[in-house]
Structures are given as C-alpha cells and as structure tokens.
C-alpha cells in the first residue's frame, strides 16, 4: 500500500533557506529567524482566514515576504551589527588581561618583556574603540545612525588585538625561560594565550559578517 508523500512546508523551506544564508551570533540569529517565522505564520494564518487552503496560505505568505535573496541583506546587516557588538564586548573584556600581563612583565629588563609591555598599548587602543562601538551601536544608535564602516573597524581592531596577544604570549614565554621569576611570566603568557583565542574567534566571525555585508549591500 502506497503512502502519500507529504509536500514540504513552504514556510519552513523559506526559513531554512534564510537560516543558511545568514551568519552572526547564535542567539541573535536564532531570535531573528524566529521573528521571520512568526511573521510568515501570522501572514499565512490571515490568508487562511480569508479562505485559502493551508498550503496556498503558506505560499502566499512567502510570496509577500519576497525572496530570500531580497530579504537576507537587511537581516545580515542587523546580524553584522550584533556581531560587531559581540566582538567589541569581547575586546573590552579581554584587553584588561593583556594590561595585566604588561603589569606582571614590566619589572623586567629583557627586550622580550619590553616588547610585551609595549603591546599593551595596542590592547588599550582596541579597548577604547570597543567601548566607543558599544556606545555607538547601543544607546546612541537611537539618536545617531551607526557608521557604515564601524563593524569593519571593529573586526580589524579585534584582529589586531588578537595578534598583539599572540605576540605577547610568545614574548612572555621566551622571557619566562630567561627570567628568575619565570612562574609569574609563564602565568602571564598563559593568560595572554587564552585571551588571544577568545578574541581571534570573535574577530574572525566579525570579518565574515562584514564580508557578507559588502558583497550583499542593504537595499534602500
């Protein structure tokens, strides 16, 4: 006995395609996709109340929303801002750890310790940009438009900060091998390596989001 093959739900097909097209922080992306699904279901329900069949109502809802290619740029722009905020927050929270590494290493007189100390200036500059980004995309965004290039600046500031943390890790590791207070410097190196991994991951995600925004600009 043959069984009828259930046709794919147009709404779920649309949502799946949109989900695959978007990149950004998991929570923000999930919330955005759920909002799109809710809007589609509400629109489909309105058509069903007007007498359309369930499948026809779903197709009409999808048609009214427009193609994924047309909708994705606006959604991706929103997620890119969310990712920029996430990266900025990550830099703002982790940069102090590099400053702590500088504080632990500044008493030394080796070139490696001196270089690690100077790298803290990069972390300071990145932290200042991160704080400005959080302000520009938060409360101030209600009054002033978010600068178009701000997410790109955050992405590369995070990349620069993560590179500084990686070099600081190397410097502190070498300095620990040459210094008498090596446990302290080794701990600072481990701390710097951990912050590098966190910042590098977030900065890489931010660069990817920015790249999608540049290839698919928002229409308007």
Protein backbone atom coordinates (compact mmCIF):
# COMPACT_ATOMS: atom_id res chain seq x y z
CA UNK A 1 0.00 0.00 0.00
CA UNK A 2 1.46 3.26 -1.06
CA UNK A 3 1.57 6.25 1.22
CA UNK A 4 1.16 9.82 0.05
CA UNK A 5 4.31 11.88 0.12
CA UNK A 6 3.92 14.95 2.28
CA UNK A 7 4.89 18.13 0.45
CA UNK A 8 7.46 20.39 2.09
CA UNK A 9 6.06 23.29 4.09
CA UNK A 10 6.77 26.49 2.08
CA UNK A 11 7.24 28.49 5.30
CA UNK A 12 9.78 26.04 6.75
CA UNK A 13 11.57 25.83 3.39
CA UNK A 14 11.83 29.62 3.33
CA UNK A 15 13.03 29.77 6.93
CA UNK A 16 15.64 27.06 6.31
CA UNK A 17 16.97 28.88 3.26
CA UNK A 18 17.11 32.16 5.16
CA UNK A 19 18.89 30.50 8.09
CA UNK A 20 21.55 29.08 5.78
CA UNK A 21 22.10 32.49 4.18
CA UNK A 22 22.71 34.36 7.45
CA UNK A 23 25.75 34.48 9.71
CA UNK A 24 26.12 36.09 13.11
CA UNK A 25 25.90 35.46 16.86
CA UNK A 26 23.86 32.32 17.51
CA UNK A 27 21.35 33.92 19.89
CA UNK A 28 20.79 36.99 17.71
CA UNK A 29 20.43 34.85 14.59
CA UNK A 30 18.01 32.46 16.29
CA UNK A 31 15.90 35.36 17.54
CA UNK A 32 15.82 37.00 14.11
CA UNK A 33 14.88 33.77 12.33
CA UNK A 34 12.11 33.10 14.85
CA UNK A 35 10.75 36.59 14.23
CA UNK A 36 10.69 35.88 10.49
CA UNK A 37 8.97 32.53 11.06
CA UNK A 38 6.39 34.19 13.32
CA UNK A 39 5.67 36.85 10.72
CA UNK A 40 5.26 34.26 7.99
CA UNK A 41 2.92 32.14 10.11
CA UNK A 42 0.82 35.16 11.05
CA UNK A 43 0.54 36.17 7.40
CA UNK A 44 -0.35 32.61 6.40
CA UNK A 45 -2.99 32.48 9.13
CA UNK A 46 -4.54 35.70 7.79
CA UNK A 47 -4.79 34.20 4.30
CA UNK A 48 -6.27 31.00 5.73
CA UNK A 49 -8.97 33.05 7.45
CA UNK A 50 -9.77 34.55 4.05
CA UNK A 51 -10.49 31.10 2.70
CA UNK A 52 -7.14 29.93 1.29
CA UNK A 53 -6.06 26.34 1.84
CA UNK A 54 -3.19 25.69 4.28
CA UNK A 55 -0.63 25.18 1.51
CA UNK A 56 -1.89 28.09 -0.56
CA UNK A 57 -1.86 30.37 2.51
CA UNK A 58 1.74 29.44 3.22
CA UNK A 59 2.77 30.12 -0.38
CA UNK A 60 1.01 33.48 -0.38
CA UNK A 61 2.81 34.43 2.85
CA UNK A 62 6.19 33.51 1.37
CA UNK A 63 5.39 35.47 -1.78
CA UNK A 64 4.51 38.57 0.25
CA UNK A 65 7.78 38.40 2.20
CA UNK A 66 9.79 38.40 -1.03
CA UNK A 67 12.71 36.20 -1.99
CA UNK A 68 15.41 35.21 0.47
CA UNK A 69 17.93 37.00 -1.75
CA UNK A 70 15.99 40.24 -1.31
CA UNK A 71 15.40 39.87 2.43
CA UNK A 72 18.78 38.46 3.52
CA UNK A 73 20.88 41.67 3.14
CA UNK A 74 18.75 43.63 5.62
CA UNK A 75 18.79 40.70 8.06
CA UNK A 76 22.53 40.21 7.61
CA UNK A 77 23.14 43.91 8.29
CA UNK A 78 21.35 43.55 11.61
CA UNK A 79 23.38 40.45 12.48
CA UNK A 80 26.61 42.18 11.46
CA UNK A 81 25.89 44.96 13.95
CA UNK A 82 25.16 42.32 16.58
CA UNK A 83 28.44 40.54 15.79
CA UNK A 84 30.34 43.84 15.93
CA UNK A 85 28.87 44.47 19.38
CA UNK A 86 29.81 40.94 20.44
CA UNK A 87 33.39 41.41 19.22
CA UNK A 88 33.64 44.86 20.79
CA UNK A 89 32.39 43.46 24.09
CA UNK A 90 34.90 40.62 23.87
CA UNK A 91 37.79 43.03 23.24
CA UNK A 92 36.65 45.36 26.01
CA UNK A 93 36.51 42.48 28.50
CA UNK A 94 39.75 40.73 27.47
CA UNK A 95 42.05 43.72 26.78
CA UNK A 96 42.50 44.32 30.53
CA UNK A 97 44.06 40.87 30.76
CA UNK A 98 46.81 41.95 28.35
CA UNK A 99 47.27 45.04 30.51
CA UNK A 100 47.59 42.71 33.49
CA UNK A 101 50.27 40.78 31.59
CA UNK A 102 52.05 44.09 31.00
CA UNK A 103 51.89 44.84 34.72
CA UNK A 104 53.40 41.43 35.51
CA UNK A 105 56.20 41.81 32.97
CA UNK A 106 57.10 45.50 33.31
CA UNK A 107 59.58 44.91 36.12
CA UNK A 108 61.89 43.00 33.82
CA UNK A 109 64.69 44.43 31.70
CA UNK A 110 64.82 41.98 28.79
CA UNK A 111 63.81 43.07 25.27
CA UNK A 112 61.09 40.40 25.29
CA UNK A 113 59.49 41.87 28.40
CA UNK A 114 59.78 45.38 26.99
CA UNK A 115 58.04 44.31 23.77
CA UNK A 116 55.26 42.61 25.71
CA UNK A 117 54.78 45.81 27.68
CA UNK A 118 54.50 47.93 24.53
CA UNK A 119 51.92 45.55 23.08
CA UNK A 120 49.65 46.60 25.92
CA UNK A 121 49.23 49.95 24.17
CA UNK A 122 47.54 48.14 21.27
CA UNK A 123 45.16 46.50 23.70
CA UNK A 124 44.39 49.88 25.24
CA UNK A 125 43.59 51.41 21.84
CA UNK A 126 41.43 48.40 20.90
CA UNK A 127 39.57 48.61 24.21
CA UNK A 128 38.83 52.31 23.62
CA UNK A 129 37.43 51.57 20.15
CA UNK A 130 35.41 48.71 21.61
CA UNK A 131 33.88 50.99 24.22
CA UNK A 132 33.03 53.57 21.54
CA UNK A 133 31.44 50.85 19.40
CA UNK A 134 29.24 49.63 22.22
CA UNK A 135 28.08 53.20 22.77
CA UNK A 136 27.54 53.92 19.05
CA UNK A 137 25.51 50.74 18.50
CA UNK A 138 23.65 50.93 21.80
CA UNK A 139 22.03 53.96 23.35
CA UNK A 140 23.48 56.43 20.84
CA UNK A 141 22.15 54.38 17.92
CA UNK A 142 18.65 55.58 18.81
CA UNK A 143 19.71 59.17 18.07
CA UNK A 144 22.55 58.82 15.58
CA UNK A 145 22.99 56.39 12.65
CA UNK A 146 25.62 53.68 13.10
CA UNK A 147 28.70 54.48 10.94
CA UNK A 148 28.72 52.19 7.92
CA UNK A 149 32.37 51.19 8.36
CA UNK A 150 32.21 50.70 12.12
CA UNK A 151 31.76 46.89 12.01
CA UNK A 152 34.78 46.65 9.68
CA UNK A 153 36.83 48.80 12.07
CA UNK A 154 35.81 46.57 14.97
CA UNK A 155 36.68 43.42 13.02
CA UNK A 156 40.20 44.62 12.27
CA UNK A 157 40.69 46.14 15.73
CA UNK A 158 39.83 42.74 17.18
CA UNK A 159 42.17 41.05 14.72
CA UNK A 160 44.99 43.45 15.63
CA UNK A 161 44.36 42.97 19.35
CA UNK A 162 44.36 39.19 18.97
CA UNK A 163 47.64 39.36 17.02
CA UNK A 164 49.13 41.51 19.76
CA UNK A 165 48.03 38.94 22.32
CA UNK A 166 49.64 36.15 20.28
CA UNK A 167 52.95 38.04 20.04
CA UNK A 168 52.74 38.91 23.74
CA UNK A 169 52.31 35.21 24.51
CA UNK A 170 55.50 34.42 22.58
CA UNK A 171 57.40 37.25 24.26
CA UNK A 172 56.31 36.25 27.74
CA UNK A 173 57.10 32.60 27.07
CA UNK A 174 60.66 33.46 25.99
CA UNK A 175 61.04 35.92 28.87
CA UNK A 176 59.89 33.26 31.33
CA UNK A 177 62.64 30.92 30.11
CA UNK A 178 65.26 33.62 30.74
CA UNK A 179 63.95 35.17 33.95
CA UNK A 180 64.24 34.16 37.58
CA UNK A 181 60.57 34.96 38.21
CA UNK A 182 59.52 32.61 35.44
CA UNK A 183 56.34 31.27 37.14
CA UNK A 184 54.86 34.76 37.12
CA UNK A 185 55.74 35.37 33.48
CA UNK A 186 54.55 31.90 32.49
CA UNK A 187 51.19 32.59 34.11
CA UNK A 188 51.00 35.90 32.23
CA UNK A 189 51.78 34.06 28.98
CA UNK A 190 49.02 31.53 29.57
CA UNK A 191 46.60 34.36 30.33
CA UNK A 192 47.59 36.16 27.13
CA UNK A 193 47.19 32.97 25.06
CA UNK A 194 43.70 32.39 26.45
CA UNK A 195 42.56 35.93 25.63
CA UNK A 196 44.05 35.63 22.13
CA UNK A 197 41.96 32.54 21.40
CA UNK A 198 38.75 34.24 22.54
CA UNK A 199 39.32 37.50 20.66
CA UNK A 200 40.58 35.83 17.47
CA UNK A 201 37.46 33.67 17.17
CA UNK A 202 35.10 36.63 17.60
CA UNK A 203 37.12 38.86 15.24
CA UNK A 204 37.11 36.16 12.56
CA UNK A 205 33.32 35.88 12.81
CA UNK A 206 33.02 39.67 12.58
CA UNK A 207 35.17 39.80 9.43
CA UNK A 208 32.97 37.14 7.85
CA UNK A 209 29.79 39.08 8.63
CA UNK A 210 31.32 42.29 7.27
CA UNK A 211 32.36 40.45 4.12
CA UNK A 212 28.79 39.28 3.57
CA UNK A 213 27.54 42.83 4.04
CA UNK A 214 29.98 44.15 1.44
CA UNK A 215 29.06 41.51 -1.13
CA UNK A 216 25.31 41.88 -0.48
CA UNK A 217 24.72 45.51 0.40
CA UNK A 218 21.47 46.54 2.02
CA UNK A 219 18.99 47.99 -0.46
CA UNK A 220 17.26 51.18 0.40
